[in-house]
Amino acid sequence: MAKKLAEHLEELPAERKAILNRLRRVEGQLRGIQRMIIEDRPCVEVLTQLSAARKAMQQICVEIVKNNLYKCIKESTDSEENIVQLEKLISALIDLVPPASVQE
């Protein structure tokens, strides 16, 4: 029989639990934003909350990449597989960084 999700969560390392907690907070923020839209709250309030949720998601992305980089470095870059993993992670990190705004 498959383990229940709660049992899997208890077995997770602390860094993964922390990421899941952050995701749950963002999930709550997004539900709150949906309520704000239903309640026809002012645009500025909705945008402020959307910005906060976006920043929280970006931070989660950074933590995931950071944790994976540490893992790859810890396991050593001697193997070809780890080098490929590091290259993928670096590429993902570059994709996370928003492009600089062009000033005219």
C-alpha atoms as a PDB file:
ATOM      1  CA  MET A   1       0.000   0.000   0.000  1.00  0.00           C
ATOM      2  CA  ALA A   2       1.287   3.448  -0.888  1.00  0.00           C
ATOM      3  CA  LYS A   3       2.389   5.659   1.964  1.00  0.00           C
ATOM      4  CA  LYS A   4       0.192   8.608   2.803  1.00  0.00           C
ATOM      5  CA  LEU A   5       1.480  12.019   1.799  1.00  0.00           C
ATOM      6  CA  ALA A   6       1.797  13.055   5.448  1.00  0.00           C
ATOM      7  CA  GLU A   7       4.133  10.111   6.076  1.00  0.00           C
ATOM      8  CA  HIS A   8       6.332  11.187   3.156  1.00  0.00           C
ATOM      9  CA  LEU A   9       6.434  14.743   4.467  1.00  0.00           C
ATOM     10  CA  GLU A  10       7.710  13.612   7.855  1.00  0.00           C
ATOM     11  CA  GLU A  11      10.611  11.805   6.181  1.00  0.00           C
ATOM     12  CA  LEU A  12      11.726  14.804   4.108  1.00  0.00           C
ATOM     13  CA  PRO A  13      14.920  16.711   4.902  1.00  0.00           C
ATOM     14  CA  ALA A  14      14.508  20.057   6.658  1.00  0.00           C
ATOM     15  CA  GLU A  15      15.299  22.130   3.539  1.00  0.00           C
ATOM     16  CA  ARG A  16      12.506  20.434   1.558  1.00  0.00           C
ATOM     17  CA  LYS A  17      10.051  20.900   4.418  1.00  0.00           C
ATOM     18  CA  ALA A  18      10.963  24.601   4.494  1.00  0.00           C
ATOM     19  CA  ILE A  19      10.319  24.907   0.754  1.00  0.00           C
ATOM     20  CA  LEU A  20       6.948  23.191   1.100  1.00  0.00           C
ATOM     21  CA  ASN A  21       6.026  25.552   3.946  1.00  0.00           C
ATOM     22  CA  ARG A  22       6.913  28.535   1.753  1.00  0.00           C
ATOM     23  CA  LEU A  23       4.806  27.110  -1.076  1.00  0.00           C
ATOM     24  CA  ARG A  24       1.850  26.690   1.282  1.00  0.00           C
ATOM     25  CA  ARG A  25       2.193  30.343   2.319  1.00  0.00           C
ATOM     26  CA  VAL A  26       2.196  31.427  -1.322  1.00  0.00           C
ATOM     27  CA  GLU A  27      -0.810  29.203  -1.946  1.00  0.00           C
ATOM     28  CA  GLY A  28      -2.609  31.047   0.862  1.00  0.00           C
ATOM     29  CA  GLN A  29      -1.564  34.393  -0.604  1.00  0.00           C
ATOM     30  CA  LEU A  30      -2.972  33.405  -3.989  1.00  0.00           C
ATOM     31  CA  ARG A  31      -6.288  32.336  -2.456  1.00  0.00           C
ATOM     32  CA  GLY A  32      -6.390  35.702  -0.680  1.00  0.00           C
ATOM     33  CA  ILE A  33      -5.749  37.501  -3.964  1.00  0.00           C
ATOM     34  CA  GLN A  34      -8.598  35.574  -5.572  1.00  0.00           C
ATOM     35  CA  ARG A  35     -10.889  36.744  -2.750  1.00  0.00           C
ATOM     36  CA  MET A  36      -9.689  40.314  -3.255  1.00  0.00           C
ATOM     37  CA  ILE A  37     -10.643  40.140  -6.925  1.00  0.00           C
ATOM     38  CA  ILE A  38     -14.060  38.671  -6.099  1.00  0.00           C
ATOM     39  CA  GLU A  39     -14.569  41.467  -3.543  1.00  0.00           C
ATOM     40  CA  ASP A  40     -13.489  44.046  -6.165  1.00  0.00           C
ATOM     41  CA  ARG A  41     -10.710  45.398  -3.958  1.00  0.00           C
ATOM     42  CA  PRO A  42      -8.699  48.363  -5.256  1.00  0.00           C
ATOM     43  CA  CYS A  43      -6.213  47.596  -8.021  1.00  0.00           C
ATOM     44  CA  VAL A  44      -3.242  48.851  -5.984  1.00  0.00           C
ATOM     45  CA  GLU A  45      -4.014  46.434  -3.135  1.00  0.00           C
ATOM     46  CA  VAL A  46      -4.308  43.479  -5.535  1.00  0.00           C
ATOM     47  CA  LEU A  47      -1.091  44.421  -7.324  1.00  0.00           C
ATOM     48  CA  THR A  48       0.746  44.794  -4.013  1.00  0.00           C
ATOM     49  CA  GLN A  49      -0.271  41.276  -2.999  1.00  0.00           C
ATOM     50  CA  LEU A  50       0.585  39.872  -6.436  1.00  0.00           C
ATOM     51  CA  SER A  51       4.021  41.456  -6.205  1.00  0.00           C
ATOM     52  CA  ALA A  52       4.576  39.929  -2.772  1.00  0.00           C
ATOM     53  CA  ALA A  53       3.527  36.483  -4.036  1.00  0.00           C
ATOM     54  CA  ARG A  54       5.825  36.823  -7.060  1.00  0.00           C
ATOM     55  CA  LYS A  55       8.773  37.748  -4.838  1.00  0.00           C
ATOM     56  CA  ALA A  56       8.023  34.790  -2.566  1.00  0.00           C
ATOM     57  CA  MET A  57       7.954  32.449  -5.572  1.00  0.00           C
ATOM     58  CA  GLN A  58      11.263  33.860  -6.814  1.00  0.00           C
ATOM     59  CA  GLN A  59      12.807  33.229  -3.409  1.00  0.00           C
ATOM     60  CA  ILE A  60      11.542  29.642  -3.484  1.00  0.00           C
ATOM     61  CA  CYS A  61      13.157  29.185  -6.911  1.00  0.00           C
ATOM     62  CA  VAL A  62      16.450  30.547  -5.596  1.00  0.00           C
ATOM     63  CA  GLU A  63      16.343  28.217  -2.583  1.00  0.00           C
ATOM     64  CA  ILE A  64      15.657  25.186  -4.780  1.00  0.00           C
ATOM     65  CA  VAL A  65      18.536  26.034  -7.128  1.00  0.00           C
ATOM     66  CA  LYS A  66      20.848  26.805  -4.206  1.00  0.00           C
ATOM     67  CA  ASN A  67      20.032  23.508  -2.485  1.00  0.00           C
ATOM     68  CA  ASN A  68      20.646  21.581  -5.692  1.00  0.00           C
ATOM     69  CA  LEU A  69      23.921  23.377  -6.369  1.00  0.00           C
ATOM     70  CA  TYR A  70      25.147  22.536  -2.878  1.00  0.00           C
ATOM     71  CA  LYS A  71      24.117  18.917  -3.423  1.00  0.00           C
ATOM     72  CA  CYS A  72      25.966  18.675  -6.749  1.00  0.00           C
ATOM     73  CA  ILE A  73      29.072  20.338  -5.343  1.00  0.00           C
ATOM     74  CA  LYS A  74      28.985  18.107  -2.289  1.00  0.00           C
ATOM     75  CA  GLU A  75      28.742  15.018  -4.481  1.00  0.00           C
ATOM     76  CA  SER A  76      31.708  16.332  -6.480  1.00  0.00           C
ATOM     77  CA  THR A  77      31.987  17.430 -10.059  1.00  0.00           C
ATOM     78  CA  ASP A  78      34.124  14.435 -11.001  1.00  0.00           C
ATOM     79  CA  SER A  79      31.347  12.623 -12.812  1.00  0.00           C
ATOM     80  CA  GLU A  80      29.993  13.697 -16.188  1.00  0.00           C
ATOM     81  CA  GLU A  81      26.434  13.406 -14.849  1.00  0.00           C
ATOM     82  CA  ASN A  82      27.121  15.923 -12.066  1.00  0.00           C
ATOM     83  CA  ILE A  83      28.731  18.343 -14.504  1.00  0.00           C
ATOM     84  CA  VAL A  84      25.636  18.144 -16.722  1.00  0.00           C
ATOM     85  CA  GLN A  85      23.433  18.697 -13.645  1.00  0.00           C
ATOM     86  CA  LEU A  86      25.458  21.752 -12.642  1.00  0.00           C
ATOM     87  CA  GLU A  87      25.173  23.183 -16.150  1.00  0.00           C
ATOM     88  CA  LYS A  88      21.384  22.684 -16.085  1.00  0.00           C
ATOM     89  CA  LEU A  89      21.128  24.332 -12.675  1.00  0.00           C
ATOM     90  CA  ILE A  90      23.211  27.301 -13.779  1.00  0.00           C
ATOM     91  CA  SER A  91      20.985  27.675 -16.840  1.00  0.00           C
ATOM     92  CA  ALA A  92      17.873  27.529 -14.630  1.00  0.00           C
ATOM     93  CA  LEU A  93      19.366  30.162 -12.354  1.00  0.00           C
ATOM     94  CA  ILE A  94      20.039  32.444 -15.302  1.00  0.00           C
ATOM     95  CA  ASP A  95      16.411  32.003 -16.411  1.00  0.00           C
ATOM     96  CA  LEU A  96      15.255  33.093 -12.936  1.00  0.00           C
ATOM     97  CA  VAL A  97      16.972  36.444 -13.169  1.00  0.00           C
ATOM     98  CA  PRO A  98      14.642  38.951 -14.796  1.00  0.00           C
ATOM     99  CA  PRO A  99      16.103  40.716 -17.828  1.00  0.00           C
ATOM    100  CA  ALA A 100      17.427  44.190 -17.140  1.00  0.00           C
ATOM    101  CA  SER A 101      15.041  46.878 -18.219  1.00  0.00           C
ATOM    102  CA  VAL A 102      16.211  48.791 -21.238  1.00  0.00           C
ATOM    103  CA  GLN A 103      16.454  52.515 -20.642  1.00  0.00           C
ATOM    104  CA  GLU A 104      15.992  54.794 -23.580  1.00  0.00           C
END
